[in-house]
Amino acid sequence: MPTIKARWTGGVRFVHTSETGHALVTDAPEPHGSNTAPSPMELVLHAFAGCAGVDLAMMLEKMRQPVRDLEITVSGERRDEHPRIYTKISFHVTVRGDVSERRLERAVNLSLDEYCGVAGILQETAEISRSWEIVAEESTP
């Protein structure tokens, strides 16, 4: 079972270390924190983008799609009452390259509906909208 440790460093800042040796810092925005690092709830969106990004990169490579760049934008709305969970999340993928829209759509749907564990967790409480766009490579004369 994966394990992390979070060590308090003052205020509401923590340094988190995984058993694989990776570390990151969390903080909270003012007035509670000093806004020196992402908040834990921002990291949830980071985790979603990262999880789906791994899936998309692997699937598009397997589908032999010539991806030149891949960017994922995730934004979320939280409810006002505690716990302030995400209730709406927007997931948008921009791909550069001569990529098939049908294959990109399939990869996004497979990731969000079947493979990405973070998406699976978030879909329990949030409505997740998805969109994508392909920016074709310009040919040079």
Protein backbone atom coordinates (compact mmCIF):
# COMPACT_ATOMS: atom_id res chain seq x y z
CA MET A 1 0.00 0.00 0.00
CA PRO A 2 1.52 3.39 -0.98
CA THR A 3 2.38 5.56 2.01
CA ILE A 4 3.21 9.25 2.33
CA LYS A 5 4.32 11.30 5.30
CA ALA A 6 3.37 14.95 5.82
CA ARG A 7 5.62 16.99 8.10
CA TRP A 8 4.35 20.30 9.42
CA THR A 9 6.79 23.17 8.84
CA GLY A 10 4.81 25.98 10.50
CA GLY A 11 1.65 27.90 9.73
CA VAL A 12 -0.37 25.53 7.54
CA ARG A 13 2.58 24.42 5.38
CA PHE A 14 3.51 20.76 5.08
CA VAL A 15 6.26 18.91 3.26
CA HIS A 16 4.95 15.60 1.94
CA THR A 17 7.32 12.75 1.16
CA SER A 18 6.41 9.53 -0.60
CA GLU A 19 7.96 6.17 0.07
CA THR A 20 9.66 6.51 -3.35
CA GLY A 21 11.48 9.61 -2.09
CA HIS A 22 9.54 12.28 -3.97
CA ALA A 23 8.58 15.40 -2.05
CA LEU A 24 6.19 18.30 -2.46
CA VAL A 25 4.93 21.17 -0.36
CA THR A 26 1.36 22.28 0.36
CA ASP A 27 0.13 25.52 1.84
CA ALA A 28 -3.13 27.43 1.88
CA PRO A 29 -4.01 30.78 0.37
CA GLU A 30 -4.15 33.85 2.57
CA PRO A 31 -5.52 34.61 5.12
CA HIS A 32 -5.05 31.06 6.51
CA GLY A 33 -1.71 30.31 4.86
CA SER A 34 1.01 32.21 3.06
CA ASN A 35 0.21 30.94 -0.45
CA THR A 36 3.73 29.59 -0.98
CA ALA A 37 2.65 26.29 -2.53
CA PRO A 38 -0.42 24.63 -4.01
CA SER A 39 -3.29 23.92 -1.65
CA PRO A 40 -4.29 20.29 -1.11
CA MET A 41 -7.44 20.88 -3.18
CA GLU A 42 -5.37 22.29 -6.05
CA LEU A 43 -3.28 19.12 -5.89
CA VAL A 44 -6.44 17.10 -6.47
CA LEU A 45 -6.77 18.85 -9.85
CA HIS A 46 -3.04 18.36 -10.50
CA ALA A 47 -3.46 14.65 -9.75
CA PHE A 48 -6.41 14.42 -12.15
CA ALA A 49 -4.49 16.10 -14.98
CA GLY A 50 -1.41 13.98 -14.30
CA CYS A 51 -3.32 10.70 -14.12
CA ALA A 52 -5.23 11.33 -17.34
CA GLY A 53 -2.10 12.75 -18.97
CA VAL A 54 -0.21 9.50 -18.44
CA ASP A 55 -3.12 7.59 -19.97
CA LEU A 56 -3.40 9.92 -22.95
CA ALA A 57 0.32 9.97 -23.71
CA MET A 58 0.51 6.18 -23.58
CA MET A 59 -2.69 5.56 -25.56
CA LEU A 60 -1.94 8.10 -28.29
CA GLU A 61 1.54 6.63 -28.68
CA LYS A 62 0.05 3.13 -28.91
CA MET A 63 -2.42 4.44 -31.50
CA ARG A 64 0.61 5.78 -33.44
CA GLN A 65 -0.63 9.33 -33.33
CA PRO A 66 2.09 11.93 -34.08
CA VAL A 67 1.63 14.09 -30.96
CA ARG A 68 3.99 17.08 -30.83
CA ASP A 69 2.56 18.64 -27.68
CA LEU A 70 -0.12 17.75 -25.17
CA GLU A 71 -1.62 20.21 -22.69
CA ILE A 72 -4.37 19.49 -20.18
CA THR A 73 -6.36 22.23 -18.46
CA VAL A 74 -8.50 21.29 -15.47
CA SER A 75 -10.66 23.69 -13.48
CA GLY A 76 -13.12 22.98 -10.73
CA GLU A 77 -16.01 24.45 -8.78
CA ARG A 78 -16.41 23.62 -5.11
CA ARG A 79 -19.52 23.75 -2.99
CA ASP A 80 -19.80 26.48 -0.35
CA GLU A 81 -20.48 24.24 2.65
CA HIS A 82 -17.96 21.96 4.32
CA PRO A 83 -16.50 19.67 3.27
CA ARG A 84 -15.86 21.91 0.23
CA ILE A 85 -15.66 19.12 -2.34
CA TYR A 86 -15.54 19.63 -6.10
CA THR A 87 -19.00 19.51 -7.67
CA LYS A 88 -18.12 20.50 -11.24
CA ILE A 89 -14.86 19.91 -13.08
CA SER A 90 -13.90 20.94 -16.59
CA PHE A 91 -11.29 18.79 -18.37
CA HIS A 92 -9.83 20.13 -21.64
CA VAL A 93 -7.06 18.63 -23.77
CA THR A 94 -5.13 20.51 -26.46
CA VAL A 95 -3.01 18.37 -28.76
CA ARG A 96 -0.59 19.62 -31.39
CA GLY A 97 0.12 17.34 -34.30
CA ASP A 98 -1.58 15.52 -37.13
CA VAL A 99 -3.80 13.56 -34.76
CA SER A 100 -7.08 11.81 -35.58
CA GLU A 101 -9.96 13.44 -33.71
CA ARG A 102 -11.70 10.08 -33.45
CA ARG A 103 -8.66 8.53 -31.78
CA LEU A 104 -8.18 11.49 -29.45
CA GLU A 105 -11.84 11.29 -28.41
CA ARG A 106 -11.47 7.55 -27.79
CA ALA A 107 -8.33 8.08 -25.69
CA VAL A 108 -9.99 10.82 -23.58
CA ASN A 109 -13.09 8.70 -22.99
CA LEU A 110 -11.09 5.58 -22.11
CA SER A 111 -8.94 7.53 -19.67
CA LEU A 112 -11.78 9.35 -17.90
CA ASP A 113 -14.26 6.45 -17.94
CA GLU A 114 -12.04 3.40 -17.39
CA TYR A 115 -8.38 3.92 -16.52
CA CYS A 116 -7.72 7.09 -14.52
CA GLY A 117 -8.27 6.29 -10.85
CA VAL A 118 -8.38 9.97 -9.90
CA ALA A 119 -11.23 10.52 -12.39
CA GLY A 120 -13.00 7.53 -10.87
CA ILE A 121 -12.83 9.10 -7.42
CA LEU A 122 -13.88 12.57 -8.58
CA GLN A 123 -16.83 11.27 -10.62
CA GLU A 124 -18.41 10.09 -7.38
CA THR A 125 -19.11 13.71 -6.34
CA ALA A 126 -18.45 15.94 -9.35
CA GLU A 127 -19.92 16.37 -12.80
CA ILE A 128 -16.93 16.22 -15.17
CA SER A 129 -17.22 17.88 -18.56
CA ARG A 130 -14.67 17.01 -21.20
CA SER A 131 -13.48 18.70 -24.35
CA TRP A 132 -10.52 18.56 -26.69
CA GLU A 133 -8.99 20.36 -29.61
CA ILE A 134 -6.36 19.52 -32.15
CA VAL A 135 -3.98 22.19 -33.37
CA ALA A 136 -2.63 20.97 -36.70
CA GLU A 137 1.05 21.34 -37.43
CA GLU A 138 1.75 24.00 -40.00
CA SER A 139 3.71 22.71 -42.94
CA THR A 140 6.87 24.58 -43.85
CA PRO A 141 7.42 25.47 -47.51
